[in-house]
Amino acid sequence: MKEKSEISRRNLLGMAVCGMTAFLAVPSVLGADTSVSVPKPPVALPQYPNEHYYHNGKFDENKARDAIIELAGFHGYPITPGLREKLWVSDYGLGRFTEVGLAAIGIVNNLDGEYSYMMQDLFILPNQMLPEHWHVDVPETEKKTRGTQKDEGWYVRWGRSYIIGEGDKNLPAQVAVPKSHGPVTVEHCTAADPGTFVKLARRGSRHWQFAGSEGVILTEVANYHDNASVRHTNKTANDHFLAGVE
């Protein structure tokens, strides 16, 4: 009887552990979309000449989105339904997307309640520069946008980003500011690999990024983001960006 009791207890314990394992394997997010696609990464990341992204002198956003999806696939970033269509892409009116540009997808930009918060994923192609910019304090508008300067930080998930802001000048040789962008005002560089979080030096400080040879995908966290509060060092980029602000 004692032996049978021991067996029963072992069996019950085993069943409990198995049951717990099965429960933990179930997605914990209610309503999670299970149709996420994680494509097999290609052997090499396709790269295209600058003219590939233009048609009759106009920036081809669809080709830019295709390149970002290839970047995502190369790194194993989940291709969720509608991701390609939701991507915001820009060459900032400079006509050199392979040199200066950005793609982003907003996850949340919350202004409700006492506190605000924002999260988005940024996609930067190989050796592409996210232009130098900063955030100003914009007075509240009829849309009730808070007049607080954006404070932010970036968590690298795939690839490498050279994140540049205020501080001692230490740009590595591989970070070459394109002529299409023109002079920058800050040159303190932090080389950030997956798992690295880099914070903005201070609110209102200028900053920019430069992707490594395999591009980079980062998650940006911040307080509420308002396009109207963004300013770019390059006048053409600044005018182009603000022209699209609603």
C-alpha atoms as a PDB file:
ATOM      1  CA  MET A   1       0.000   0.000   0.000  1.00  0.00           C
ATOM      2  CA  LYS A   2       2.846   2.336   0.828  1.00  0.00           C
ATOM      3  CA  GLU A   3       4.452   1.675  -2.572  1.00  0.00           C
ATOM      4  CA  LYS A   4       1.178   2.393  -4.359  1.00  0.00           C
ATOM      5  CA  SER A   5       0.809   5.619  -2.406  1.00  0.00           C
ATOM      6  CA  GLU A   6       4.288   6.763  -3.439  1.00  0.00           C
ATOM      7  CA  ILE A   7       3.525   5.977  -7.090  1.00  0.00           C
ATOM      8  CA  SER A   8       0.262   7.860  -6.885  1.00  0.00           C
ATOM      9  CA  ARG A   9       1.974  10.924  -5.461  1.00  0.00           C
ATOM     10  CA  ARG A  10       4.658  10.807  -8.161  1.00  0.00           C
ATOM     11  CA  ASN A  11       2.049  10.437 -10.872  1.00  0.00           C
ATOM     12  CA  LEU A  12       0.007  13.310  -9.515  1.00  0.00           C
ATOM     13  CA  LEU A  13       3.095  15.506  -9.326  1.00  0.00           C
ATOM     14  CA  GLY A  14       4.032  14.623 -12.888  1.00  0.00           C
ATOM     15  CA  MET A  15       0.530  15.401 -14.091  1.00  0.00           C
ATOM     16  CA  ALA A  16       0.611  18.758 -12.306  1.00  0.00           C
ATOM     17  CA  VAL A  17       3.950  19.714 -13.864  1.00  0.00           C
ATOM     18  CA  CYS A  18       2.787  18.670 -17.318  1.00  0.00           C
ATOM     19  CA  GLY A  19      -0.418  20.584 -16.858  1.00  0.00           C
ATOM     20  CA  MET A  20       1.484  23.700 -15.789  1.00  0.00           C
ATOM     21  CA  THR A  21       3.815  23.417 -18.777  1.00  0.00           C
ATOM     22  CA  ALA A  22       0.870  23.163 -21.149  1.00  0.00           C
ATOM     23  CA  PHE A  23      -0.769  26.203 -19.544  1.00  0.00           C
ATOM     24  CA  LEU A  24       2.383  28.341 -19.813  1.00  0.00           C
ATOM     25  CA  ALA A  25       2.682  27.475 -23.480  1.00  0.00           C
ATOM     26  CA  VAL A  26      -0.639  29.174 -24.213  1.00  0.00           C
ATOM     27  CA  PRO A  27      -0.292  32.824 -25.392  1.00  0.00           C
ATOM     28  CA  SER A  28      -0.956  35.078 -22.412  1.00  0.00           C
ATOM     29  CA  VAL A  29      -2.214  38.047 -24.443  1.00  0.00           C
ATOM     30  CA  LEU A  30      -5.942  37.835 -25.005  1.00  0.00           C
ATOM     31  CA  GLY A  31      -6.949  38.348 -28.597  1.00  0.00           C
ATOM     32  CA  ALA A  32      -3.372  37.856 -29.848  1.00  0.00           C
ATOM     33  CA  ASP A  33      -3.118  37.516 -33.626  1.00  0.00           C
ATOM     34  CA  THR A  34      -1.676  34.059 -34.300  1.00  0.00           C
ATOM     35  CA  SER A  35      -1.181  34.697 -38.017  1.00  0.00           C
ATOM     36  CA  VAL A  36       2.174  36.397 -37.474  1.00  0.00           C
ATOM     37  CA  SER A  37       4.722  35.424 -40.101  1.00  0.00           C
ATOM     38  CA  VAL A  38       8.394  35.038 -39.271  1.00  0.00           C
ATOM     39  CA  PRO A  39      10.035  34.453 -42.652  1.00  0.00           C
ATOM     40  CA  LYS A  40      13.230  32.479 -43.046  1.00  0.00           C
ATOM     41  CA  PRO A  41      16.056  35.010 -43.182  1.00  0.00           C
ATOM     42  CA  PRO A  42      17.786  35.306 -46.577  1.00  0.00           C
ATOM     43  CA  VAL A  43      21.484  34.526 -46.816  1.00  0.00           C
ATOM     44  CA  ALA A  44      22.262  38.163 -47.630  1.00  0.00           C
ATOM     45  CA  LEU A  45      20.279  41.359 -47.224  1.00  0.00           C
ATOM     46  CA  PRO A  46      19.396  42.762 -50.677  1.00  0.00           C
ATOM     47  CA  GLN A  47      20.686  46.274 -51.265  1.00  0.00           C
ATOM     48  CA  TYR A  48      19.683  48.568 -54.101  1.00  0.00           C
ATOM     49  CA  PRO A  49      21.118  51.671 -55.760  1.00  0.00           C
ATOM     50  CA  ASN A  50      19.478  54.968 -54.898  1.00  0.00           C
ATOM     51  CA  GLU A  51      17.666  55.231 -58.247  1.00  0.00           C
ATOM     52  CA  HIS A  52      15.757  52.061 -57.378  1.00  0.00           C
ATOM     53  CA  TYR A  53      13.650  54.119 -54.944  1.00  0.00           C
ATOM     54  CA  TYR A  54      12.623  56.809 -57.409  1.00  0.00           C
ATOM     55  CA  HIS A  55      10.294  56.969 -60.396  1.00  0.00           C
ATOM     56  CA  ASN A  56      10.380  60.022 -62.631  1.00  0.00           C
ATOM     57  CA  GLY A  57      12.216  61.842 -59.872  1.00  0.00           C
ATOM     58  CA  LYS A  58       9.583  61.058 -57.233  1.00  0.00           C
ATOM     59  CA  PHE A  59      10.202  58.977 -54.124  1.00  0.00           C
ATOM     60  CA  ASP A  60       8.586  55.550 -54.514  1.00  0.00           C
ATOM     61  CA  GLU A  61       7.217  54.720 -51.070  1.00  0.00           C
ATOM     62  CA  ASN A  62       6.133  51.233 -52.127  1.00  0.00           C
ATOM     63  CA  LYS A  63       9.671  50.226 -53.083  1.00  0.00           C
ATOM     64  CA  ALA A  64      10.909  51.682 -49.823  1.00  0.00           C
ATOM     65  CA  ARG A  65       8.362  49.612 -47.901  1.00  0.00           C
ATOM     66  CA  ASP A  66       9.433  46.492 -49.810  1.00  0.00           C
ATOM     67  CA  ALA A  67      13.036  47.104 -48.768  1.00  0.00           C
ATOM     68  CA  ILE A  68      12.001  47.487 -45.135  1.00  0.00           C
ATOM     69  CA  ILE A  69      10.082  44.199 -45.253  1.00  0.00           C
ATOM     70  CA  GLU A  70      13.246  42.575 -46.627  1.00  0.00           C
ATOM     71  CA  LEU A  71      15.216  44.104 -43.748  1.00  0.00           C
ATOM     72  CA  ALA A  72      12.649  42.763 -41.288  1.00  0.00           C
ATOM     73  CA  GLY A  73      12.755  39.311 -42.875  1.00  0.00           C
ATOM     74  CA  PHE A  74      16.544  39.252 -42.821  1.00  0.00           C
ATOM     75  CA  HIS A  75      16.596  39.858 -39.075  1.00  0.00           C
ATOM     76  CA  GLY A  76      13.591  37.672 -38.240  1.00  0.00           C
ATOM     77  CA  TYR A  77      11.330  40.545 -37.217  1.00  0.00           C
ATOM     78  CA  PRO A  78       7.699  39.303 -37.069  1.00  0.00           C
ATOM     79  CA  ILE A  79       5.793  40.282 -40.211  1.00  0.00           C
ATOM     80  CA  THR A  80       2.380  41.007 -38.729  1.00  0.00           C
ATOM     81  CA  PRO A  81      -0.730  41.391 -40.925  1.00  0.00           C
ATOM     82  CA  GLY A  82      -0.778  44.813 -42.559  1.00  0.00           C
ATOM     83  CA  LEU A  83       2.750  45.718 -41.427  1.00  0.00           C
ATOM     84  CA  ARG A  84       3.909  46.772 -44.889  1.00  0.00           C
ATOM     85  CA  GLU A  85       0.917  49.024 -45.461  1.00  0.00           C
ATOM     86  CA  LYS A  86       1.238  50.657 -42.032  1.00  0.00           C
ATOM     87  CA  LEU A  87       4.900  51.579 -42.436  1.00  0.00           C
ATOM     88  CA  TRP A  88       5.700  55.290 -42.524  1.00  0.00           C
ATOM     89  CA  VAL A  89       8.645  55.860 -44.869  1.00  0.00           C
ATOM     90  CA  SER A  90      10.442  59.056 -45.817  1.00  0.00           C
ATOM     91  CA  ASP A  91      13.493  60.348 -47.652  1.00  0.00           C
ATOM     92  CA  TYR A  92      12.912  63.762 -46.039  1.00  0.00           C
ATOM     93  CA  GLY A  93      12.741  65.366 -49.475  1.00  0.00           C
ATOM     94  CA  LEU A  94      16.483  64.951 -49.996  1.00  0.00           C
ATOM     95  CA  GLY A  95      16.206  62.471 -52.862  1.00  0.00           C
ATOM     96  CA  ARG A  96      18.846  60.137 -51.425  1.00  0.00           C
ATOM     97  CA  PHE A  97      16.927  57.416 -49.578  1.00  0.00           C
ATOM     98  CA  THR A  98      19.909  55.049 -49.442  1.00  0.00           C
ATOM     99  CA  GLU A  99      21.814  57.765 -47.559  1.00  0.00           C
ATOM    100  CA  VAL A 100      19.204  59.613 -45.492  1.00  0.00           C
ATOM    101  CA  GLY A 101      15.819  58.201 -44.560  1.00  0.00           C
ATOM    102  CA  LEU A 102      13.684  56.311 -42.089  1.00  0.00           C
ATOM    103  CA  ALA A 103      10.831  53.854 -41.754  1.00  0.00           C
ATOM    104  CA  ALA A 104       8.698  53.525 -38.645  1.00  0.00           C
ATOM    105  CA  ILE A 105       5.578  51.871 -37.349  1.00  0.00           C
ATOM    106  CA  GLY A 106       3.695  53.344 -34.412  1.00  0.00           C
ATOM    107  CA  ILE A 107       2.628  50.954 -31.666  1.00  0.00           C
ATOM    108  CA  VAL A 108       1.065  53.391 -29.213  1.00  0.00           C
ATOM    109  CA  ASN A 109       0.996  57.173 -28.775  1.00  0.00           C
ATOM    110  CA  ASN A 110      -1.135  57.868 -25.723  1.00  0.00           C
ATOM    111  CA  LEU A 111      -2.235  61.261 -24.456  1.00  0.00           C
ATOM    112  CA  ASP A 112      -5.069  60.141 -22.187  1.00  0.00           C
ATOM    113  CA  GLY A 113      -4.928  60.398 -18.426  1.00  0.00           C
ATOM    114  CA  GLU A 114      -2.413  62.185 -16.236  1.00  0.00           C
ATOM    115  CA  TYR A 115       0.653  60.771 -17.994  1.00  0.00           C
ATOM    116  CA  SER A 116       1.489  60.235 -21.667  1.00  0.00           C
ATOM    117  CA  TYR A 117       3.567  57.531 -23.315  1.00  0.00           C
ATOM    118  CA  MET A 118       4.650  56.398 -26.765  1.00  0.00           C
ATOM    119  CA  MET A 119       6.310  53.385 -28.369  1.00  0.00           C
ATOM    120  CA  GLN A 120       7.302  52.774 -31.961  1.00  0.00           C
ATOM    121  CA  ASP A 121       9.685  50.591 -33.954  1.00  0.00           C
ATOM    122  CA  LEU A 122      12.251  52.252 -36.206  1.00  0.00           C
ATOM    123  CA  PHE A 123      13.819  50.636 -39.269  1.00  0.00           C
ATOM    124  CA  ILE A 124      17.042  52.034 -40.721  1.00  0.00           C
ATOM    125  CA  LEU A 125      18.629  50.478 -43.804  1.00  0.00           C
ATOM    126  CA  PRO A 126      22.342  49.586 -44.010  1.00  0.00           C
ATOM    127  CA  ASN A 127      24.570  52.674 -43.778  1.00  0.00           C
ATOM    128  CA  GLN A 128      21.507  54.913 -43.828  1.00  0.00           C
ATOM    129  CA  MET A 129      21.298  58.027 -41.665  1.00  0.00           C
ATOM    130  CA  LEU A 130      18.285  59.095 -39.631  1.00  0.00           C
ATOM    131  CA  PRO A 131      18.721  62.885 -39.975  1.00  0.00           C
ATOM    132  CA  GLU A 132      19.783  65.117 -37.104  1.00  0.00           C
ATOM    133  CA  HIS A 133      16.802  66.607 -35.293  1.00  0.00           C
ATOM    134  CA  TRP A 134      15.480  67.741 -31.944  1.00  0.00           C
ATOM    135  CA  HIS A 135      12.144  68.358 -30.237  1.00  0.00           C
ATOM    136  CA  VAL A 136      10.823  71.732 -29.146  1.00  0.00           C
ATOM    137  CA  ASP A 137       8.148  72.646 -26.637  1.00  0.00           C
ATOM    138  CA  VAL A 138       4.962  73.319 -28.597  1.00  0.00           C
ATOM    139  CA  PRO A 139       2.095  75.177 -26.880  1.00  0.00           C
ATOM    140  CA  GLU A 140      -1.138  73.271 -26.401  1.00  0.00           C
ATOM    141  CA  THR A 141      -3.377  73.359 -29.459  1.00  0.00           C
ATOM    142  CA  GLU A 142      -7.032  72.702 -30.111  1.00  0.00           C
ATOM    143  CA  LYS A 143      -6.042  69.033 -30.344  1.00  0.00           C
ATOM    144  CA  LYS A 144      -4.938  69.344 -26.704  1.00  0.00           C
ATOM    145  CA  THR A 145      -1.384  68.320 -27.454  1.00  0.00           C
ATOM    146  CA  ARG A 146       0.666  68.705 -24.281  1.00  0.00           C
ATOM    147  CA  GLY A 147       3.381  71.301 -24.545  1.00  0.00           C
ATOM    148  CA  THR A 148       6.103  69.096 -23.085  1.00  0.00           C
ATOM    149  CA  GLN A 149       9.299  68.384 -24.970  1.00  0.00           C
ATOM    150  CA  LYS A 150       9.719  64.806 -26.024  1.00  0.00           C
ATOM    151  CA  ASP A 151      12.064  62.698 -23.903  1.00  0.00           C
ATOM    152  CA  GLU A 152      13.078  59.391 -25.433  1.00  0.00           C
ATOM    153  CA  GLY A 153      15.353  56.404 -25.562  1.00  0.00           C
ATOM    154  CA  TRP A 154      16.075  53.542 -27.974  1.00  0.00           C
ATOM    155  CA  TYR A 155      16.369  49.797 -27.399  1.00  0.00           C
ATOM    156  CA  VAL A 156      18.217  47.991 -30.185  1.00  0.00           C
ATOM    157  CA  ARG A 157      16.640  44.669 -31.139  1.00  0.00           C
ATOM    158  CA  TRP A 158      18.394  43.659 -34.370  1.00  0.00           C
ATOM    159  CA  GLY A 159      21.504  44.975 -36.080  1.00  0.00           C
ATOM    160  CA  ARG A 160      23.659  47.872 -34.931  1.00  0.00           C
ATOM    161  CA  SER A 161      22.945  51.570 -34.625  1.00  0.00           C
ATOM    162  CA  TYR A 162      25.424  54.337 -34.025  1.00  0.00           C
ATOM    163  CA  ILE A 163      23.373  56.672 -31.850  1.00  0.00           C
ATOM    164  CA  ILE A 164      24.744  60.196 -31.843  1.00  0.00           C
ATOM    165  CA  GLY A 165      24.020  63.044 -29.455  1.00  0.00           C
ATOM    166  CA  GLU A 166      25.669  65.602 -27.183  1.00  0.00           C
ATOM    167  CA  GLY A 167      29.097  64.891 -25.702  1.00  0.00           C
ATOM    168  CA  ASP A 168      32.719  64.548 -26.690  1.00  0.00           C
ATOM    169  CA  LYS A 169      33.330  64.052 -30.405  1.00  0.00           C
ATOM    170  CA  ASN A 170      34.179  60.418 -31.073  1.00  0.00           C
ATOM    171  CA  LEU A 171      32.598  59.475 -34.415  1.00  0.00           C
ATOM    172  CA  PRO A 172      34.108  56.225 -35.713  1.00  0.00           C
ATOM    173  CA  ALA A 173      35.408  56.097 -39.267  1.00  0.00           C
ATOM    174  CA  GLN A 174      32.459  53.994 -40.477  1.00  0.00           C
ATOM    175  CA  VAL A 175      29.996  56.757 -39.568  1.00  0.00           C
ATOM    176  CA  ALA A 176      30.221  59.144 -42.495  1.00  0.00           C
ATOM    177  CA  VAL A 177      27.656  61.953 -42.665  1.00  0.00           C
ATOM    178  CA  PRO A 178      26.349  62.012 -46.261  1.00  0.00           C
ATOM    179  CA  LYS A 179      26.828  65.182 -48.301  1.00  0.00           C
ATOM    180  CA  SER A 180      23.096  65.020 -49.000  1.00  0.00           C
ATOM    181  CA  HIS A 181      22.483  65.722 -45.320  1.00  0.00           C
ATOM    182  CA  GLY A 182      25.108  68.372 -44.721  1.00  0.00           C
ATOM    183  CA  PRO A 183      26.796  69.424 -41.460  1.00  0.00           C
ATOM    184  CA  VAL A 184      25.713  68.078 -38.065  1.00  0.00           C
ATOM    185  CA  THR A 185      26.015  69.809 -34.690  1.00  0.00           C
ATOM    186  CA  VAL A 186      26.561  66.819 -32.366  1.00  0.00           C
ATOM    187  CA  GLU A 187      29.124  64.036 -32.765  1.00  0.00           C
ATOM    188  CA  HIS A 188      29.170  61.930 -29.595  1.00  0.00           C
ATOM    189  CA  CYS A 189      28.570  58.326 -30.690  1.00  0.00           C
ATOM    190  CA  THR A 190      27.356  55.260 -28.813  1.00  0.00           C
ATOM    191  CA  ALA A 191      27.621  52.020 -30.792  1.00  0.00           C
ATOM    192  CA  ALA A 192      24.501  50.084 -29.800  1.00  0.00           C
ATOM    193  CA  ASP A 193      23.970  46.383 -30.445  1.00  0.00           C
ATOM    194  CA  PRO A 194      20.950  44.172 -29.601  1.00  0.00           C
ATOM    195  CA  GLY A 195      19.995  44.467 -25.942  1.00  0.00           C
ATOM    196  CA  THR A 196      21.462  47.970 -25.576  1.00  0.00           C
ATOM    197  CA  PHE A 197      19.331  50.898 -24.414  1.00  0.00           C
ATOM    198  CA  VAL A 198      20.514  54.446 -25.120  1.00  0.00           C
ATOM    199  CA  LYS A 199      18.812  57.471 -23.605  1.00  0.00           C
ATOM    200  CA  LEU A 200      18.569  60.971 -25.046  1.00  0.00           C
ATOM    201  CA  ALA A 201      21.250  63.168 -23.473  1.00  0.00           C
ATOM    202  CA  ARG A 202      18.665  65.727 -22.346  1.00  0.00           C
ATOM    203  CA  ARG A 203      15.336  67.068 -23.488  1.00  0.00           C
ATOM    204  CA  GLY A 204      15.713  69.391 -26.426  1.00  0.00           C
ATOM    205  CA  SER A 205      19.152  68.073 -27.409  1.00  0.00           C
ATOM    206  CA  ARG A 206      19.929  67.271 -31.029  1.00  0.00           C
ATOM    207  CA  HIS A 207      20.467  63.660 -32.042  1.00  0.00           C
ATOM    208  CA  TRP A 208      20.717  61.367 -35.049  1.00  0.00           C
ATOM    209  CA  GLN A 209      21.493  57.764 -35.924  1.00  0.00           C
ATOM    210  CA  PHE A 210      23.508  55.823 -38.465  1.00  0.00           C
ATOM    211  CA  ALA A 211      22.849  52.143 -39.194  1.00  0.00           C
ATOM    212  CA  GLY A 212      25.500  49.476 -39.395  1.00  0.00           C
ATOM    213  CA  SER A 213      26.230  47.324 -42.437  1.00  0.00           C
ATOM    214  CA  GLU A 214      23.188  45.085 -41.838  1.00  0.00           C
ATOM    215  CA  GLY A 215      20.784  47.867 -40.942  1.00  0.00           C
ATOM    216  CA  VAL A 216      19.045  48.146 -37.587  1.00  0.00           C
ATOM    217  CA  ILE A 217      15.629  47.726 -35.995  1.00  0.00           C
ATOM    218  CA  LEU A 218      15.031  49.599 -32.735  1.00  0.00           C
ATOM    219  CA  THR A 219      12.187  50.185 -30.336  1.00  0.00           C
ATOM    220  CA  GLU A 220      11.760  53.801 -29.280  1.00  0.00           C
ATOM    221  CA  VAL A 221      10.046  54.662 -26.003  1.00  0.00           C
ATOM    222  CA  ALA A 222       9.069  58.189 -25.025  1.00  0.00           C
ATOM    223  CA  ASN A 223       6.376  60.488 -23.772  1.00  0.00           C
ATOM    224  CA  TYR A 224       3.758  61.665 -26.275  1.00  0.00           C
ATOM    225  CA  HIS A 225       5.109  62.357 -29.778  1.00  0.00           C
ATOM    226  CA  ASP A 226       3.852  65.341 -31.768  1.00  0.00           C
ATOM    227  CA  ASN A 227       5.182  65.793 -35.312  1.00  0.00           C
ATOM    228  CA  ALA A 228       4.687  69.548 -34.974  1.00  0.00           C
ATOM    229  CA  SER A 229       7.408  69.639 -32.297  1.00  0.00           C
ATOM    230  CA  VAL A 230      10.129  68.082 -34.509  1.00  0.00           C
ATOM    231  CA  ARG A 231      12.880  70.261 -35.981  1.00  0.00           C
ATOM    232  CA  HIS A 232      15.638  69.152 -38.357  1.00  0.00           C
ATOM    233  CA  THR A 233      19.079  70.659 -38.798  1.00  0.00           C
ATOM    234  CA  ASN A 234      18.873  70.302 -42.587  1.00  0.00           C
ATOM    235  CA  LYS A 235      16.451  72.993 -43.826  1.00  0.00           C
ATOM    236  CA  THR A 236      15.159  70.913 -46.757  1.00  0.00           C
ATOM    237  CA  ALA A 237      14.433  67.975 -44.440  1.00  0.00           C
ATOM    238  CA  ASN A 238      12.815  70.316 -41.915  1.00  0.00           C
ATOM    239  CA  ASP A 239      10.531  71.985 -44.464  1.00  0.00           C
ATOM    240  CA  HIS A 240       9.612  68.637 -46.022  1.00  0.00           C
ATOM    241  CA  PHE A 241       8.757  67.044 -42.689  1.00  0.00           C
ATOM    242  CA  LEU A 242       6.710  69.946 -41.380  1.00  0.00           C
ATOM    243  CA  ALA A 243       4.825  70.193 -44.687  1.00  0.00           C
ATOM    244  CA  GLY A 244       3.337  66.788 -43.885  1.00  0.00           C
ATOM    245  CA  VAL A 245       2.171  67.772 -40.401  1.00  0.00           C
ATOM    246  CA  GLU A 246      -1.597  67.934 -40.122  1.00  0.00           C
END
